[in-house]
Amino acid sequence: MKTITVPTRDQVSTDSQLLFDVMQKRLGKVPNLYATMGRSPFALKAFMNLEETLNAGAFDPKEREAIALVVSEVNECAYCLAGHTMLAIKRGLTKEETLEIRKGVVQDPKLNAIVQLAKAITETKGNPSEQYLTQFYEVGFNEGAVMDLIGLVIVRLFTNYVFALTNIPVDFPLADSIK
């Protein structure tokens, strides 16, 4: 089987190079996962646009990181767990909270409803038990927030699957195991 590797800037198209420049400016580097997506400027641009658009939706940065963590835990994505643990801590969650989120049970009722629904959507491939949706609505979310949540789950599935298929080197500190 052909191995997909992390390309250098010179190994990708001019369109991908421009996207790499945006990431370099925003993040200070081009993470290996994004660089690998850059083998297709269309895939990378679609990913970046979807993520940026959803970042303006119903969820704050901590909640988005919680969704990323629980989805990546379900999918056993070491790359995304590493990157999103680091981001979650930068956005104000404690290391202990990141571990609780990954286990799927959080003390805060609102965050717990988000985590439970995201986890259930991921585990059931979009067919969660009604109790998770009810709990989500009971803490104040609406149908628009459900659509945003589905979008954020899809964004993470994309990155989780890129890593699963490529097994590229993780260029963030590894997340602790919850097992």
C-alpha atoms as a PDB file:
ATOM      1  CA  MET A   1       0.000   0.000   0.000  1.00  0.00           C
ATOM      2  CA  LYS A   2       1.261   3.485  -0.863  1.00  0.00           C
ATOM      3  CA  THR A   3       2.064   5.582   2.186  1.00  0.00           C
ATOM      4  CA  ILE A   4       0.749   9.132   2.355  1.00  0.00           C
ATOM      5  CA  THR A   5       3.386  11.378   3.872  1.00  0.00           C
ATOM      6  CA  VAL A   6       3.466  14.940   5.121  1.00  0.00           C
ATOM      7  CA  PRO A   7       4.430  17.138   2.172  1.00  0.00           C
ATOM      8  CA  THR A   8       6.733  20.096   2.339  1.00  0.00           C
ATOM      9  CA  ARG A   9       5.527  23.449   1.081  1.00  0.00           C
ATOM     10  CA  ASP A  10       7.379  22.872  -2.192  1.00  0.00           C
ATOM     11  CA  GLN A  11       5.558  19.577  -2.745  1.00  0.00           C
ATOM     12  CA  VAL A  12       2.057  21.082  -2.848  1.00  0.00           C
ATOM     13  CA  SER A  13       0.238  23.245  -5.366  1.00  0.00           C
ATOM     14  CA  THR A  14       0.437  27.021  -5.411  1.00  0.00           C
ATOM     15  CA  ASP A  15      -3.139  27.131  -4.034  1.00  0.00           C
ATOM     16  CA  SER A  16      -2.147  24.940  -1.098  1.00  0.00           C
ATOM     17  CA  GLN A  17       0.972  27.029  -0.534  1.00  0.00           C
ATOM     18  CA  LEU A  18      -1.232  30.114  -0.132  1.00  0.00           C
ATOM     19  CA  LEU A  19      -3.331  28.258   2.457  1.00  0.00           C
ATOM     20  CA  PHE A  20      -0.142  27.155   4.221  1.00  0.00           C
ATOM     21  CA  ASP A  21       0.872  30.835   4.411  1.00  0.00           C
ATOM     22  CA  VAL A  22      -2.448  31.658   6.118  1.00  0.00           C
ATOM     23  CA  MET A  23      -1.900  28.884   8.658  1.00  0.00           C
ATOM     24  CA  GLN A  24       1.710  29.858   9.237  1.00  0.00           C
ATOM     25  CA  LYS A  25       0.583  33.393  10.020  1.00  0.00           C
ATOM     26  CA  ARG A  26      -2.298  32.283  12.308  1.00  0.00           C
ATOM     27  CA  LEU A  27      -0.687  29.346  14.076  1.00  0.00           C
ATOM     28  CA  GLY A  28       3.034  29.957  13.728  1.00  0.00           C
ATOM     29  CA  LYS A  29       3.368  26.674  11.838  1.00  0.00           C
ATOM     30  CA  VAL A  30       1.560  24.378   9.444  1.00  0.00           C
ATOM     31  CA  PRO A  31       0.553  21.324  11.489  1.00  0.00           C
ATOM     32  CA  ASN A  32       1.329  17.986   9.832  1.00  0.00           C
ATOM     33  CA  LEU A  33      -2.355  17.107   9.503  1.00  0.00           C
ATOM     34  CA  TYR A  34      -3.171  20.319   7.629  1.00  0.00           C
ATOM     35  CA  ALA A  35      -0.062  19.964   5.473  1.00  0.00           C
ATOM     36  CA  THR A  36      -1.198  16.468   4.545  1.00  0.00           C
ATOM     37  CA  MET A  37      -4.667  17.765   3.667  1.00  0.00           C
ATOM     38  CA  GLY A  38      -2.839  20.282   1.477  1.00  0.00           C
ATOM     39  CA  ARG A  39      -2.081  17.556  -1.028  1.00  0.00           C
ATOM     40  CA  SER A  40      -5.518  18.664  -2.270  1.00  0.00           C
ATOM     41  CA  PRO A  41      -6.044  22.425  -2.165  1.00  0.00           C
ATOM     42  CA  PHE A  42      -9.775  21.757  -2.510  1.00  0.00           C
ATOM     43  CA  ALA A  43      -9.941  19.504   0.546  1.00  0.00           C
ATOM     44  CA  LEU A  44      -7.803  21.853   2.630  1.00  0.00           C
ATOM     45  CA  LYS A  45      -9.755  24.959   1.623  1.00  0.00           C
ATOM     46  CA  ALA A  46     -13.105  23.239   2.215  1.00  0.00           C
ATOM     47  CA  PHE A  47     -11.945  22.086   5.645  1.00  0.00           C
ATOM     48  CA  MET A  48     -10.644  25.529   6.609  1.00  0.00           C
ATOM     49  CA  ASN A  49     -13.770  27.293   5.357  1.00  0.00           C
ATOM     50  CA  LEU A  50     -16.148  24.906   7.120  1.00  0.00           C
ATOM     51  CA  GLU A  51     -14.260  25.121  10.390  1.00  0.00           C
ATOM     52  CA  GLU A  52     -14.001  28.924  10.225  1.00  0.00           C
ATOM     53  CA  THR A  53     -17.705  29.264   9.428  1.00  0.00           C
ATOM     54  CA  LEU A  54     -18.769  26.951  12.253  1.00  0.00           C
ATOM     55  CA  ASN A  55     -16.521  28.815  14.701  1.00  0.00           C
ATOM     56  CA  ALA A  56     -18.998  31.700  14.427  1.00  0.00           C
ATOM     57  CA  GLY A  57     -21.928  29.440  15.352  1.00  0.00           C
ATOM     58  CA  ALA A  58     -23.659  28.502  18.596  1.00  0.00           C
ATOM     59  CA  PHE A  59     -20.636  27.271  20.536  1.00  0.00           C
ATOM     60  CA  ASP A  60     -17.858  29.147  22.297  1.00  0.00           C
ATOM     61  CA  PRO A  61     -14.196  28.089  21.974  1.00  0.00           C
ATOM     62  CA  LYS A  62     -14.253  25.841  25.061  1.00  0.00           C
ATOM     63  CA  GLU A  63     -17.404  24.085  23.857  1.00  0.00           C
ATOM     64  CA  ARG A  64     -15.916  23.576  20.390  1.00  0.00           C
ATOM     65  CA  GLU A  65     -12.817  22.042  21.940  1.00  0.00           C
ATOM     66  CA  ALA A  66     -15.001  19.762  24.068  1.00  0.00           C
ATOM     67  CA  ILE A  67     -16.743  18.547  20.900  1.00  0.00           C
ATOM     68  CA  ALA A  68     -13.381  17.991  19.203  1.00  0.00           C
ATOM     69  CA  LEU A  69     -12.083  16.052  22.195  1.00  0.00           C
ATOM     70  CA  VAL A  70     -15.031  13.720  22.621  1.00  0.00           C
ATOM     71  CA  VAL A  71     -15.353  12.996  18.893  1.00  0.00           C
ATOM     72  CA  SER A  72     -11.610  12.343  18.629  1.00  0.00           C
ATOM     73  CA  GLU A  73     -11.750  10.066  21.676  1.00  0.00           C
ATOM     74  CA  VAL A  74     -14.549   7.995  20.146  1.00  0.00           C
ATOM     75  CA  ASN A  75     -12.500   7.717  16.948  1.00  0.00           C
ATOM     76  CA  GLU A  76      -9.233   7.083  18.838  1.00  0.00           C
ATOM     77  CA  CYS A  77      -7.449   9.849  16.930  1.00  0.00           C
ATOM     78  CA  ALA A  78      -4.151  10.434  18.733  1.00  0.00           C
ATOM     79  CA  TYR A  79      -3.331  13.405  16.503  1.00  0.00           C
ATOM     80  CA  CYS A  80      -6.547  15.314  17.194  1.00  0.00           C
ATOM     81  CA  LEU A  81      -6.509  14.407  20.875  1.00  0.00           C
ATOM     82  CA  ALA A  82      -3.014  15.873  21.148  1.00  0.00           C
ATOM     83  CA  GLY A  83      -3.813  19.069  19.265  1.00  0.00           C
ATOM     84  CA  HIS A  84      -7.186  19.680  20.848  1.00  0.00           C
ATOM     85  CA  THR A  85      -6.005  18.934  24.385  1.00  0.00           C
ATOM     86  CA  MET A  86      -3.384  21.636  23.907  1.00  0.00           C
ATOM     87  CA  LEU A  87      -5.966  24.058  22.444  1.00  0.00           C
ATOM     88  CA  ALA A  88      -8.545  23.274  25.138  1.00  0.00           C
ATOM     89  CA  ILE A  89      -6.052  24.113  27.865  1.00  0.00           C
ATOM     90  CA  LYS A  90      -5.103  27.346  26.045  1.00  0.00           C
ATOM     91  CA  ARG A  91      -8.806  28.217  25.940  1.00  0.00           C
ATOM     92  CA  GLY A  92      -9.280  27.797  29.681  1.00  0.00           C
ATOM     93  CA  LEU A  93     -10.122  24.149  30.327  1.00  0.00           C
ATOM     94  CA  THR A  94      -7.974  22.270  32.827  1.00  0.00           C
ATOM     95  CA  LYS A  95      -6.160  19.073  31.956  1.00  0.00           C
ATOM     96  CA  GLU A  96      -8.554  17.230  34.286  1.00  0.00           C
ATOM     97  CA  GLU A  97     -11.556  18.711  32.458  1.00  0.00           C
ATOM     98  CA  THR A  98     -10.159  17.544  29.114  1.00  0.00           C
ATOM     99  CA  LEU A  99      -9.942  14.013  30.494  1.00  0.00           C
ATOM    100  CA  GLU A 100     -13.526  14.184  31.830  1.00  0.00           C
ATOM    101  CA  ILE A 101     -14.767  15.410  28.460  1.00  0.00           C
ATOM    102  CA  ARG A 102     -13.010  12.544  26.693  1.00  0.00           C
ATOM    103  CA  LYS A 103     -14.699  10.106  29.085  1.00  0.00           C
ATOM    104  CA  GLY A 104     -18.028  11.651  28.058  1.00  0.00           C
ATOM    105  CA  VAL A 105     -19.319  12.933  31.390  1.00  0.00           C
ATOM    106  CA  VAL A 106     -18.875  16.532  32.552  1.00  0.00           C
ATOM    107  CA  GLN A 107     -20.139  18.219  35.729  1.00  0.00           C
ATOM    108  CA  ASP A 108     -21.429  21.389  34.043  1.00  0.00           C
ATOM    109  CA  PRO A 109     -24.958  20.563  32.749  1.00  0.00           C
ATOM    110  CA  LYS A 110     -24.690  22.658  29.577  1.00  0.00           C
ATOM    111  CA  LEU A 111     -21.266  21.338  28.582  1.00  0.00           C
ATOM    112  CA  ASN A 112     -22.342  17.820  29.537  1.00  0.00           C
ATOM    113  CA  ALA A 113     -25.331  18.033  27.173  1.00  0.00           C
ATOM    114  CA  ILE A 114     -23.020  19.131  24.343  1.00  0.00           C
ATOM    115  CA  VAL A 115     -20.485  16.391  25.043  1.00  0.00           C
ATOM    116  CA  GLN A 116     -23.124  13.679  25.458  1.00  0.00           C
ATOM    117  CA  LEU A 117     -24.862  14.553  22.184  1.00  0.00           C
ATOM    118  CA  ALA A 118     -21.610  14.875  20.210  1.00  0.00           C
ATOM    119  CA  LYS A 119     -20.436  11.532  21.587  1.00  0.00           C
ATOM    120  CA  ALA A 120     -23.757   9.835  20.820  1.00  0.00           C
ATOM    121  CA  ILE A 121     -23.862  11.250  17.271  1.00  0.00           C
ATOM    122  CA  THR A 122     -20.342   9.964  16.645  1.00  0.00           C
ATOM    123  CA  GLU A 123     -20.881   6.537  18.193  1.00  0.00           C
ATOM    124  CA  THR A 124     -24.186   5.930  16.400  1.00  0.00           C
ATOM    125  CA  LYS A 125     -23.210   7.474  13.050  1.00  0.00           C
ATOM    126  CA  GLY A 126     -25.879  10.130  13.404  1.00  0.00           C
ATOM    127  CA  ASN A 127     -28.622   8.199  15.182  1.00  0.00           C
ATOM    128  CA  PRO A 128     -28.368   9.130  18.865  1.00  0.00           C
ATOM    129  CA  SER A 129     -30.975   8.158  21.394  1.00  0.00           C
ATOM    130  CA  GLU A 130     -33.649  10.838  21.815  1.00  0.00           C
ATOM    131  CA  GLN A 131     -32.581  11.389  25.438  1.00  0.00           C
ATOM    132  CA  TYR A 132     -29.398  13.165  24.289  1.00  0.00           C
ATOM    133  CA  LEU A 133     -31.281  15.543  22.032  1.00  0.00           C
ATOM    134  CA  THR A 134     -33.854  16.210  24.767  1.00  0.00           C
ATOM    135  CA  GLN A 135     -31.084  16.954  27.267  1.00  0.00           C
ATOM    136  CA  PHE A 136     -29.491  19.312  24.718  1.00  0.00           C
ATOM    137  CA  TYR A 137     -32.737  21.253  24.289  1.00  0.00           C
ATOM    138  CA  GLU A 138     -33.403  21.322  28.038  1.00  0.00           C
ATOM    139  CA  VAL A 139     -30.185  23.253  28.699  1.00  0.00           C
ATOM    140  CA  GLY A 140     -31.256  25.957  26.253  1.00  0.00           C
ATOM    141  CA  PHE A 141     -30.049  24.958  22.807  1.00  0.00           C
ATOM    142  CA  ASN A 142     -32.238  25.032  19.699  1.00  0.00           C
ATOM    143  CA  GLU A 143     -32.385  23.325  16.313  1.00  0.00           C
ATOM    144  CA  GLY A 144     -29.792  25.709  14.860  1.00  0.00           C
ATOM    145  CA  ALA A 145     -27.339  24.630  17.539  1.00  0.00           C
ATOM    146  CA  VAL A 146     -28.009  20.992  16.595  1.00  0.00           C
ATOM    147  CA  MET A 147     -26.975  21.805  13.011  1.00  0.00           C
ATOM    148  CA  ASP A 148     -23.823  23.550  14.252  1.00  0.00           C
ATOM    149  CA  LEU A 149     -23.020  20.555  16.452  1.00  0.00           C
ATOM    150  CA  ILE A 150     -23.421  18.149  13.532  1.00  0.00           C
ATOM    151  CA  GLY A 151     -21.131  20.391  11.483  1.00  0.00           C
ATOM    152  CA  LEU A 152     -18.468  20.385  14.196  1.00  0.00           C
ATOM    153  CA  VAL A 153     -18.698  16.600  14.492  1.00  0.00           C
ATOM    154  CA  ILE A 154     -18.201  16.346  10.706  1.00  0.00           C
ATOM    155  CA  VAL A 155     -15.175  18.672  10.825  1.00  0.00           C
ATOM    156  CA  ARG A 156     -13.583  16.396  13.412  1.00  0.00           C
ATOM    157  CA  LEU A 157     -14.505  13.230  11.537  1.00  0.00           C
ATOM    158  CA  PHE A 158     -12.648  14.645   8.556  1.00  0.00           C
ATOM    159  CA  THR A 159      -9.455  15.226  10.543  1.00  0.00           C
ATOM    160  CA  ASN A 160      -9.832  11.947  12.443  1.00  0.00           C
ATOM    161  CA  TYR A 161     -10.127  10.040   9.184  1.00  0.00           C
ATOM    162  CA  VAL A 162      -7.176  11.833   7.593  1.00  0.00           C
ATOM    163  CA  PHE A 163      -5.045  10.732  10.527  1.00  0.00           C
ATOM    164  CA  ALA A 164      -6.456   7.198  10.555  1.00  0.00           C
ATOM    165  CA  LEU A 165      -5.625   6.765   6.880  1.00  0.00           C
ATOM    166  CA  THR A 166      -2.185   8.387   6.961  1.00  0.00           C
ATOM    167  CA  ASN A 167      -0.860   7.863  10.494  1.00  0.00           C
ATOM    168  CA  ILE A 168       1.344  10.905   9.995  1.00  0.00           C
ATOM    169  CA  PRO A 169       3.643  11.998  12.823  1.00  0.00           C
ATOM    170  CA  VAL A 170       1.885  13.819  15.684  1.00  0.00           C
ATOM    171  CA  ASP A 171       3.542  17.221  16.030  1.00  0.00           C
ATOM    172  CA  PHE A 172       1.911  18.219  19.334  1.00  0.00           C
ATOM    173  CA  PRO A 173       2.525  16.831  22.845  1.00  0.00           C
ATOM    174  CA  LEU A 174       0.608  13.561  23.139  1.00  0.00           C
ATOM    175  CA  ALA A 175      -2.573  13.589  25.213  1.00  0.00           C
ATOM    176  CA  ASP A 176      -2.704  11.439  28.315  1.00  0.00           C
ATOM    177  CA  SER A 177      -4.551   8.146  28.072  1.00  0.00           C
ATOM    178  CA  ILE A 178      -7.930   7.905  29.795  1.00  0.00           C
ATOM    179  CA  LYS A 179      -7.748   4.147  30.077  1.00  0.00           C
END
